[in-house]
Amino acid sequence: MSKPPTTDDKTRSYTMSRIKSKDTSIELMLRKALWGSGIRYRKNYKKLPGAPDIAITKHRIAIFCDGDFWHGKNWSTISPKLKNNRVYWVEKIERNIRRDCEADMALHMMGWTVVRFWGSEIHKNLAGCVDDVKDVLFHKVLENERRYERIEKIP
């Protein structure tokens, strides 16, 4: 077996600098599908904790499109397999996982519903992800209607 080619620090640095934090392929796919379904939103909404990739402000729904590696999908399985610069990557991904949890809790405390999709989930089942958002939206609309009914009944 031959060893994989090694990458010098400058090449690796350049490669890593090309990784985007917004307008990623998974984010664009989901946004286009939601827009095509008539769902309007704000993108990368910085007024909220965690700056959700998609925010449906009218109904207080925050949607995140998480890359599988960067946000720790199946982390307990993947982390032992890391070989290069293991300490750095374990610390970085675990910090990302903690930050995601903190953003979720802050959003919940503000009355927002948080929806998170893995990148692989968006690639494999985009229609299912859109349906999930529609379900959350439907329940939020029902919840709001019930709230208004209660207010109207108060003498």
N, C-alpha and C. Protein backbone atom coordinates (compact mmCIF):
# COMPACT_ATOMS: atom_id res chain seq x y z
N MET A 1 0.83 -1.19 0.00
CA MET A 1 0.00 0.00 0.00
C MET A 1 0.87 1.24 0.00
N SER A 2 0.44 2.23 -0.76
CA SER A 2 1.19 3.46 -0.78
C SER A 2 0.60 4.46 0.22
N LYS A 3 1.44 5.30 0.75
CA LYS A 3 0.99 6.32 1.69
C LYS A 3 0.27 7.43 0.93
N PRO A 4 -0.74 8.01 1.53
CA PRO A 4 -1.39 9.15 0.87
C PRO A 4 -0.43 10.33 0.78
N PRO A 5 -0.57 11.15 -0.23
CA PRO A 5 0.34 12.29 -0.35
C PRO A 5 0.18 13.24 0.84
N THR A 6 1.31 13.77 1.29
CA THR A 6 1.25 14.73 2.40
C THR A 6 1.07 16.12 1.84
N THR A 7 0.55 16.99 2.66
CA THR A 7 0.31 18.36 2.23
C THR A 7 1.13 19.29 3.11
N ASP A 8 1.82 20.21 2.49
CA ASP A 8 2.59 21.15 3.30
C ASP A 8 1.64 22.16 3.95
N ASP A 9 2.15 22.88 4.93
CA ASP A 9 1.32 23.78 5.72
C ASP A 9 0.65 24.87 4.89
N LYS A 10 1.35 25.43 3.90
CA LYS A 10 0.76 26.50 3.09
C LYS A 10 -0.41 25.98 2.26
N THR A 11 -0.26 24.81 1.70
CA THR A 11 -1.33 24.23 0.89
C THR A 11 -2.54 23.91 1.76
N ARG A 12 -2.28 23.32 2.92
CA ARG A 12 -3.38 23.00 3.83
C ARG A 12 -4.07 24.28 4.30
N SER A 13 -3.31 25.30 4.62
CA SER A 13 -3.88 26.56 5.06
C SER A 13 -4.76 27.16 3.97
N TYR A 14 -4.29 27.12 2.72
CA TYR A 14 -5.08 27.64 1.60
C TYR A 14 -6.37 26.84 1.44
N THR A 15 -6.27 25.53 1.52
CA THR A 15 -7.45 24.66 1.38
C THR A 15 -8.47 24.96 2.47
N MET A 16 -8.01 25.07 3.70
CA MET A 16 -8.93 25.34 4.82
C MET A 16 -9.55 26.73 4.69
N SER A 17 -8.84 27.69 4.13
CA SER A 17 -9.38 29.04 3.99
C SER A 17 -10.53 29.09 2.98
N ARG A 18 -10.62 28.11 2.13
CA ARG A 18 -11.68 28.04 1.11
C ARG A 18 -12.98 27.45 1.65
N ILE A 19 -12.97 26.92 2.87
CA ILE A 19 -14.17 26.34 3.45
C ILE A 19 -15.06 27.49 3.94
N LYS A 20 -16.28 27.52 3.42
CA LYS A 20 -17.18 28.64 3.71
C LYS A 20 -17.99 28.37 4.97
N SER A 21 -18.39 29.46 5.64
CA SER A 21 -19.24 29.32 6.81
C SER A 21 -20.68 29.69 6.50
N LYS A 22 -20.90 30.38 5.38
CA LYS A 22 -22.27 30.68 4.97
C LYS A 22 -22.38 30.50 3.46
N ASP A 23 -23.63 30.37 3.01
CA ASP A 23 -23.91 30.08 1.60
C ASP A 23 -23.23 28.79 1.15
N THR A 24 -23.24 27.79 2.02
CA THR A 24 -22.69 26.49 1.67
C THR A 24 -23.65 25.78 0.73
N SER A 25 -23.20 24.72 0.10
CA SER A 25 -24.04 24.00 -0.86
C SER A 25 -25.32 23.47 -0.21
N ILE A 26 -25.20 22.94 1.01
CA ILE A 26 -26.39 22.39 1.67
C ILE A 26 -27.36 23.51 2.05
N GLU A 27 -26.82 24.63 2.46
CA GLU A 27 -27.66 25.78 2.81
C GLU A 27 -28.39 26.30 1.58
N LEU A 28 -27.68 26.42 0.47
CA LEU A 28 -28.30 26.89 -0.77
C LEU A 28 -29.39 25.94 -1.25
N MET A 29 -29.13 24.64 -1.17
CA MET A 29 -30.13 23.66 -1.58
C MET A 29 -31.41 23.81 -0.78
N LEU A 30 -31.28 23.88 0.53
CA LEU A 30 -32.46 23.97 1.38
C LEU A 30 -33.17 25.31 1.17
N ARG A 31 -32.42 26.39 1.07
CA ARG A 31 -33.04 27.70 0.87
C ARG A 31 -33.83 27.74 -0.42
N LYS A 32 -33.26 27.24 -1.51
CA LYS A 32 -33.97 27.24 -2.79
C LYS A 32 -35.24 26.41 -2.74
N ALA A 33 -35.16 25.27 -2.06
CA ALA A 33 -36.33 24.40 -1.94
C ALA A 33 -37.43 25.06 -1.10
N LEU A 34 -37.03 25.72 -0.01
CA LEU A 34 -38.02 26.41 0.83
C LEU A 34 -38.65 27.57 0.07
N TRP A 35 -37.83 28.34 -0.64
CA TRP A 35 -38.35 29.47 -1.40
C TRP A 35 -39.31 28.98 -2.48
N GLY A 36 -38.95 27.89 -3.13
CA GLY A 36 -39.82 27.30 -4.16
C GLY A 36 -41.14 26.80 -3.59
N SER A 37 -41.15 26.48 -2.30
CA SER A 37 -42.37 26.03 -1.63
C SER A 37 -43.19 27.20 -1.09
N GLY A 38 -42.70 28.42 -1.31
CA GLY A 38 -43.43 29.60 -0.86
C GLY A 38 -43.10 30.03 0.55
N ILE A 39 -42.09 29.45 1.15
CA ILE A 39 -41.69 29.81 2.51
C ILE A 39 -40.65 30.92 2.43
N ARG A 40 -40.97 32.05 3.05
CA ARG A 40 -40.08 33.20 3.03
C ARG A 40 -39.29 33.27 4.33
N TYR A 41 -38.08 33.76 4.25
CA TYR A 41 -37.16 33.68 5.38
C TYR A 41 -36.10 34.76 5.28
N ARG A 42 -35.31 34.85 6.33
CA ARG A 42 -34.09 35.67 6.32
C ARG A 42 -32.91 34.70 6.42
N LYS A 43 -31.82 35.04 5.76
CA LYS A 43 -30.67 34.16 5.81
C LYS A 43 -29.58 34.73 6.72
N ASN A 44 -28.89 33.83 7.41
CA ASN A 44 -27.80 34.19 8.31
C ASN A 44 -28.19 35.36 9.21
N TYR A 45 -29.25 35.16 9.95
CA TYR A 45 -29.88 36.20 10.75
C TYR A 45 -29.06 36.50 12.00
N LYS A 46 -28.24 37.54 11.93
CA LYS A 46 -27.27 37.84 12.99
C LYS A 46 -27.88 38.41 14.26
N LYS A 47 -29.17 38.77 14.23
CA LYS A 47 -29.81 39.31 15.42
C LYS A 47 -30.13 38.22 16.44
N LEU A 48 -29.95 36.95 16.06
CA LEU A 48 -30.25 35.84 16.95
C LEU A 48 -28.98 35.11 17.36
N PRO A 49 -29.00 34.47 18.52
CA PRO A 49 -27.84 33.67 18.94
C PRO A 49 -27.55 32.57 17.92
N GLY A 50 -26.30 32.40 17.58
CA GLY A 50 -25.91 31.37 16.63
C GLY A 50 -26.10 31.76 15.18
N ALA A 51 -26.66 32.93 14.90
CA ALA A 51 -26.93 33.41 13.54
C ALA A 51 -27.46 32.28 12.66
N PRO A 52 -28.73 31.89 12.86
CA PRO A 52 -29.29 30.77 12.09
C PRO A 52 -29.10 30.95 10.58
N ASP A 53 -28.84 29.84 9.89
CA ASP A 53 -28.68 29.89 8.44
C ASP A 53 -29.96 30.40 7.79
N ILE A 54 -31.10 29.99 8.34
CA ILE A 54 -32.41 30.40 7.83
C ILE A 54 -33.27 30.74 9.04
N ALA A 55 -33.91 31.90 9.01
CA ALA A 55 -34.80 32.31 10.10
C ALA A 55 -36.14 32.73 9.51
N ILE A 56 -37.18 32.05 9.95
CA ILE A 56 -38.54 32.44 9.56
C ILE A 56 -39.04 33.30 10.70
N THR A 57 -38.81 34.59 10.60
CA THR A 57 -39.02 35.50 11.72
C THR A 57 -40.48 35.62 12.12
N LYS A 58 -41.38 35.58 11.16
CA LYS A 58 -42.81 35.73 11.46
C LYS A 58 -43.29 34.66 12.43
N HIS A 59 -42.74 33.45 12.31
CA HIS A 59 -43.18 32.34 13.14
C HIS A 59 -42.12 31.88 14.15
N ARG A 60 -41.03 32.63 14.24
CA ARG A 60 -39.96 32.34 15.20
C ARG A 60 -39.40 30.92 15.04
N ILE A 61 -38.97 30.62 13.83
CA ILE A 61 -38.35 29.33 13.54
C ILE A 61 -36.92 29.59 13.06
N ALA A 62 -35.95 28.97 13.73
CA ALA A 62 -34.54 29.10 13.36
C ALA A 62 -34.07 27.76 12.80
N ILE A 63 -33.48 27.79 11.60
CA ILE A 63 -33.05 26.56 10.93
C ILE A 63 -31.54 26.62 10.72
N PHE A 64 -30.88 25.54 11.10
CA PHE A 64 -29.43 25.43 10.92
C PHE A 64 -29.14 24.26 9.98
N CYS A 65 -28.20 24.47 9.07
CA CYS A 65 -27.73 23.42 8.16
C CYS A 65 -26.31 23.08 8.60
N ASP A 66 -26.15 21.96 9.29
CA ASP A 66 -24.87 21.62 9.90
C ASP A 66 -24.09 20.62 9.06
N GLY A 67 -22.84 20.95 8.79
CA GLY A 67 -21.95 20.01 8.12
C GLY A 67 -21.66 18.84 9.05
N ASP A 68 -21.68 17.64 8.52
CA ASP A 68 -21.54 16.44 9.35
C ASP A 68 -20.26 16.44 10.18
N PHE A 69 -19.13 16.73 9.55
CA PHE A 69 -17.85 16.70 10.28
C PHE A 69 -17.75 17.87 11.25
N TRP A 70 -18.02 19.08 10.76
CA TRP A 70 -17.77 20.28 11.55
C TRP A 70 -18.64 20.38 12.80
N HIS A 71 -19.82 19.76 12.75
CA HIS A 71 -20.74 19.85 13.89
C HIS A 71 -20.86 18.53 14.65
N GLY A 72 -20.06 17.54 14.28
CA GLY A 72 -19.92 16.34 15.09
C GLY A 72 -20.99 15.28 14.93
N LYS A 73 -21.45 15.03 13.70
CA LYS A 73 -22.39 13.93 13.51
C LYS A 73 -21.67 12.61 13.81
N ASN A 74 -22.32 11.77 14.61
CA ASN A 74 -21.72 10.48 15.02
C ASN A 74 -20.34 10.70 15.63
N TRP A 75 -20.21 11.72 16.46
CA TRP A 75 -18.91 12.12 16.99
C TRP A 75 -18.24 11.02 17.80
N SER A 76 -19.00 10.28 18.58
CA SER A 76 -18.39 9.23 19.40
C SER A 76 -17.75 8.15 18.54
N THR A 77 -18.24 7.97 17.32
CA THR A 77 -17.68 6.98 16.41
C THR A 77 -16.49 7.56 15.64
N ILE A 78 -16.60 8.81 15.26
CA ILE A 78 -15.58 9.43 14.39
C ILE A 78 -14.35 9.89 15.16
N SER A 79 -14.54 10.45 16.36
CA SER A 79 -13.41 11.04 17.07
C SER A 79 -12.25 10.07 17.32
N PRO A 80 -12.51 8.79 17.67
CA PRO A 80 -11.36 7.90 17.87
C PRO A 80 -10.58 7.62 16.58
N LYS A 81 -11.21 7.84 15.43
CA LYS A 81 -10.55 7.54 14.15
C LYS A 81 -9.66 8.67 13.64
N LEU A 82 -9.76 9.84 14.27
CA LEU A 82 -8.93 10.97 13.84
C LEU A 82 -7.46 10.67 14.11
N LYS A 83 -6.62 10.91 13.12
CA LYS A 83 -5.19 10.62 13.27
C LYS A 83 -4.36 11.89 13.26
N ASN A 84 -4.53 12.71 12.24
CA ASN A 84 -3.70 13.92 12.11
C ASN A 84 -4.21 15.03 13.01
N ASN A 85 -3.32 15.57 13.81
CA ASN A 85 -3.62 16.71 14.66
C ASN A 85 -4.86 16.46 15.52
N ARG A 86 -4.93 15.29 16.08
CA ARG A 86 -6.10 14.81 16.82
C ARG A 86 -6.56 15.75 17.94
N VAL A 87 -5.63 16.21 18.75
CA VAL A 87 -5.98 17.08 19.88
C VAL A 87 -6.70 18.33 19.38
N TYR A 88 -6.18 18.95 18.34
CA TYR A 88 -6.78 20.15 17.78
C TYR A 88 -8.20 19.89 17.30
N TRP A 89 -8.38 18.83 16.49
CA TRP A 89 -9.69 18.57 15.90
C TRP A 89 -10.73 18.17 16.95
N VAL A 90 -10.34 17.36 17.91
CA VAL A 90 -11.29 16.95 18.95
C VAL A 90 -11.75 18.19 19.73
N GLU A 91 -10.80 19.03 20.10
CA GLU A 91 -11.14 20.25 20.84
C GLU A 91 -12.05 21.16 19.99
N LYS A 92 -11.71 21.33 18.73
CA LYS A 92 -12.47 22.22 17.84
C LYS A 92 -13.91 21.72 17.64
N ILE A 93 -14.08 20.46 17.31
CA ILE A 93 -15.42 19.93 17.04
C ILE A 93 -16.25 19.91 18.31
N GLU A 94 -15.65 19.54 19.43
CA GLU A 94 -16.41 19.53 20.68
C GLU A 94 -16.81 20.95 21.09
N ARG A 95 -15.98 21.92 20.78
CA ARG A 95 -16.34 23.33 21.04
C ARG A 95 -17.51 23.74 20.14
N ASN A 96 -17.51 23.28 18.89
CA ASN A 96 -18.63 23.56 17.98
C ASN A 96 -19.93 22.93 18.51
N ILE A 97 -19.85 21.71 19.00
CA ILE A 97 -21.03 21.02 19.54
C ILE A 97 -21.57 21.80 20.74
N ARG A 98 -20.68 22.22 21.64
CA ARG A 98 -21.12 23.00 22.80
C ARG A 98 -21.77 24.32 22.38
N ARG A 99 -21.16 24.99 21.41
CA ARG A 99 -21.69 26.27 20.93
C ARG A 99 -23.08 26.08 20.31
N ASP A 100 -23.27 24.98 19.57
CA ASP A 100 -24.59 24.68 18.99
C ASP A 100 -25.63 24.50 20.09
N CYS A 101 -25.27 23.77 21.14
CA CYS A 101 -26.20 23.55 22.26
C CYS A 101 -26.54 24.86 22.96
N GLU A 102 -25.55 25.71 23.15
CA GLU A 102 -25.79 27.00 23.80
C GLU A 102 -26.71 27.87 22.96
N ALA A 103 -26.50 27.89 21.65
CA ALA A 103 -27.37 28.67 20.76
C ALA A 103 -28.79 28.13 20.79
N ASP A 104 -28.94 26.80 20.78
CA ASP A 104 -30.28 26.18 20.85
C ASP A 104 -31.00 26.60 22.13
N MET A 105 -30.30 26.53 23.26
CA MET A 105 -30.93 26.88 24.54
C MET A 105 -31.31 28.36 24.57
N ALA A 106 -30.44 29.23 24.08
CA ALA A 106 -30.74 30.66 24.07
C ALA A 106 -31.95 30.95 23.18
N LEU A 107 -32.02 30.29 22.03
CA LEU A 107 -33.16 30.50 21.14
C LEU A 107 -34.46 29.99 21.77
N HIS A 108 -34.39 28.84 22.42
CA HIS A 108 -35.59 28.30 23.09
C HIS A 108 -36.06 29.26 24.18
N MET A 109 -35.11 29.83 24.92
CA MET A 109 -35.46 30.77 25.98
C MET A 109 -36.13 32.03 25.41
N MET A 110 -35.82 32.36 24.16
CA MET A 110 -36.42 33.52 23.50
C MET A 110 -37.74 33.18 22.81
N GLY A 111 -38.15 31.90 22.90
CA GLY A 111 -39.42 31.50 22.30
C GLY A 111 -39.33 31.04 20.85
N TRP A 112 -38.12 30.74 20.39
CA TRP A 112 -37.93 30.28 19.02
C TRP A 112 -37.91 28.75 18.97
N THR A 113 -38.37 28.21 17.86
CA THR A 113 -38.26 26.78 17.61
C THR A 113 -37.01 26.56 16.76
N VAL A 114 -36.18 25.62 17.17
CA VAL A 114 -34.92 25.36 16.47
C VAL A 114 -35.05 24.05 15.68
N VAL A 115 -34.65 24.11 14.41
CA VAL A 115 -34.64 22.93 13.55
C VAL A 115 -33.21 22.80 13.02
N ARG A 116 -32.62 21.62 13.19
CA ARG A 116 -31.26 21.38 12.70
C ARG A 116 -31.27 20.22 11.73
N PHE A 117 -30.60 20.42 10.60
CA PHE A 117 -30.46 19.36 9.60
C PHE A 117 -28.97 19.08 9.38
N TRP A 118 -28.63 17.81 9.24
CA TRP A 118 -27.27 17.42 8.86
C TRP A 118 -27.13 17.59 7.36
N GLY A 119 -25.93 17.90 6.91
CA GLY A 119 -25.67 18.06 5.48
C GLY A 119 -26.03 16.81 4.69
N SER A 120 -25.70 15.65 5.22
CA SER A 120 -26.00 14.40 4.51
C SER A 120 -27.51 14.20 4.40
N GLU A 121 -28.24 14.65 5.41
CA GLU A 121 -29.70 14.54 5.41
C GLU A 121 -30.29 15.43 4.31
N ILE A 122 -29.75 16.62 4.15
CA ILE A 122 -30.23 17.54 3.10
C ILE A 122 -29.92 16.96 1.73
N HIS A 123 -28.71 16.42 1.56
CA HIS A 123 -28.34 15.84 0.26
C HIS A 123 -29.20 14.63 -0.09
N LYS A 124 -29.46 13.77 0.87
CA LYS A 124 -30.18 12.52 0.60
C LYS A 124 -31.69 12.70 0.53
N ASN A 125 -32.24 13.64 1.32
CA ASN A 125 -33.69 13.74 1.42
C ASN A 125 -34.13 15.20 1.56
N LEU A 126 -33.87 15.98 0.53
CA LEU A 126 -34.20 17.40 0.55
C LEU A 126 -35.71 17.60 0.73
N ALA A 127 -36.51 16.83 0.02
CA ALA A 127 -37.97 16.97 0.13
C ALA A 127 -38.44 16.68 1.56
N GLY A 128 -37.83 15.70 2.20
CA GLY A 128 -38.18 15.38 3.58
C GLY A 128 -37.84 16.52 4.53
N CYS A 129 -36.71 17.19 4.29
CA CYS A 129 -36.32 18.33 5.11
C CYS A 129 -37.31 19.47 4.95
N VAL A 130 -37.72 19.72 3.71
CA VAL A 130 -38.71 20.77 3.45
C VAL A 130 -40.03 20.41 4.13
N ASP A 131 -40.41 19.15 4.06
CA ASP A 131 -41.65 18.70 4.73
C ASP A 131 -41.55 18.90 6.24
N ASP A 132 -40.38 18.62 6.81
CA ASP A 132 -40.18 18.83 8.25
C ASP A 132 -40.38 20.31 8.62
N VAL A 133 -39.84 21.21 7.80
CA VAL A 133 -40.00 22.64 8.06
C VAL A 133 -41.47 23.01 7.93
N LYS A 134 -42.15 22.47 6.91
CA LYS A 134 -43.58 22.76 6.74
C LYS A 134 -44.38 22.27 7.94
N ASP A 135 -44.02 21.11 8.48
CA ASP A 135 -44.72 20.58 9.67
C ASP A 135 -44.54 21.52 10.86
N VAL A 136 -43.31 21.96 11.08
CA VAL A 136 -43.05 22.88 12.19
C VAL A 136 -43.82 24.17 11.98
N LEU A 137 -43.82 24.67 10.76
CA LEU A 137 -44.54 25.89 10.43
C LEU A 137 -46.04 25.73 10.67
N PHE A 138 -46.58 24.60 10.26
CA PHE A 138 -48.01 24.30 10.46
C PHE A 138 -48.36 24.32 11.95
N HIS A 139 -47.54 23.67 12.76
CA HIS A 139 -47.81 23.62 14.20
C HIS A 139 -47.67 25.00 14.84
N LYS A 140 -46.72 25.80 14.37
CA LYS A 140 -46.57 27.15 14.91
C LYS A 140 -47.79 28.01 14.56
N VAL A 141 -48.32 27.86 13.34
CA VAL A 141 -49.50 28.62 12.93
C VAL A 141 -50.69 28.20 13.79
N LEU A 142 -50.86 26.89 14.00
CA LEU A 142 -51.95 26.40 14.86
C LEU A 142 -51.82 26.95 16.28
N GLU A 143 -50.62 26.92 16.79
CA GLU A 143 -50.36 27.42 18.14
C GLU A 143 -50.74 28.90 18.26
N ASN A 144 -50.38 29.68 17.25
CA ASN A 144 -50.71 31.10 17.26
C ASN A 144 -52.21 31.33 17.17
N GLU A 145 -52.91 30.53 16.34
CA GLU A 145 -54.37 30.65 16.22
C GLU A 145 -55.04 30.34 17.55
N ARG A 146 -54.60 29.31 18.23
CA ARG A 146 -55.17 28.96 19.54
C ARG A 146 -54.95 30.09 20.55
N ARG A 147 -53.77 30.70 20.50
CA ARG A 147 -53.46 31.79 21.40
C ARG A 147 -54.42 32.96 21.16
N TYR A 148 -54.67 33.29 19.88
CA TYR A 148 -55.58 34.39 19.56
C TYR A 148 -57.01 34.06 19.95
N GLU A 149 -57.43 32.80 19.81
CA GLU A 149 -58.78 32.38 20.22
C GLU A 149 -58.97 32.59 21.72
N ARG A 150 -57.97 32.22 22.50
CA ARG A 150 -58.05 32.41 23.95
C ARG A 150 -58.16 33.88 24.32
N ILE A 151 -57.43 34.71 23.62
CA ILE A 151 -57.45 36.15 23.90
C ILE A 151 -58.84 36.71 23.57
N GLU A 152 -59.43 36.27 22.45
CA GLU A 152 -60.74 36.77 22.04
C GLU A 152 -61.83 36.34 23.02
N LYS A 153 -61.71 35.21 23.67
CA LYS A 153 -62.72 34.69 24.60
C LYS A 153 -62.69 35.39 25.95
N ILE A 154 -61.61 36.06 26.25
CA ILE A 154 -61.50 36.74 27.55
C ILE A 154 -62.47 37.93 27.56
N PRO A 155 -63.39 37.97 28.56
CA PRO A 155 -64.37 39.07 28.59
C PRO A 155 -63.77 40.40 28.97
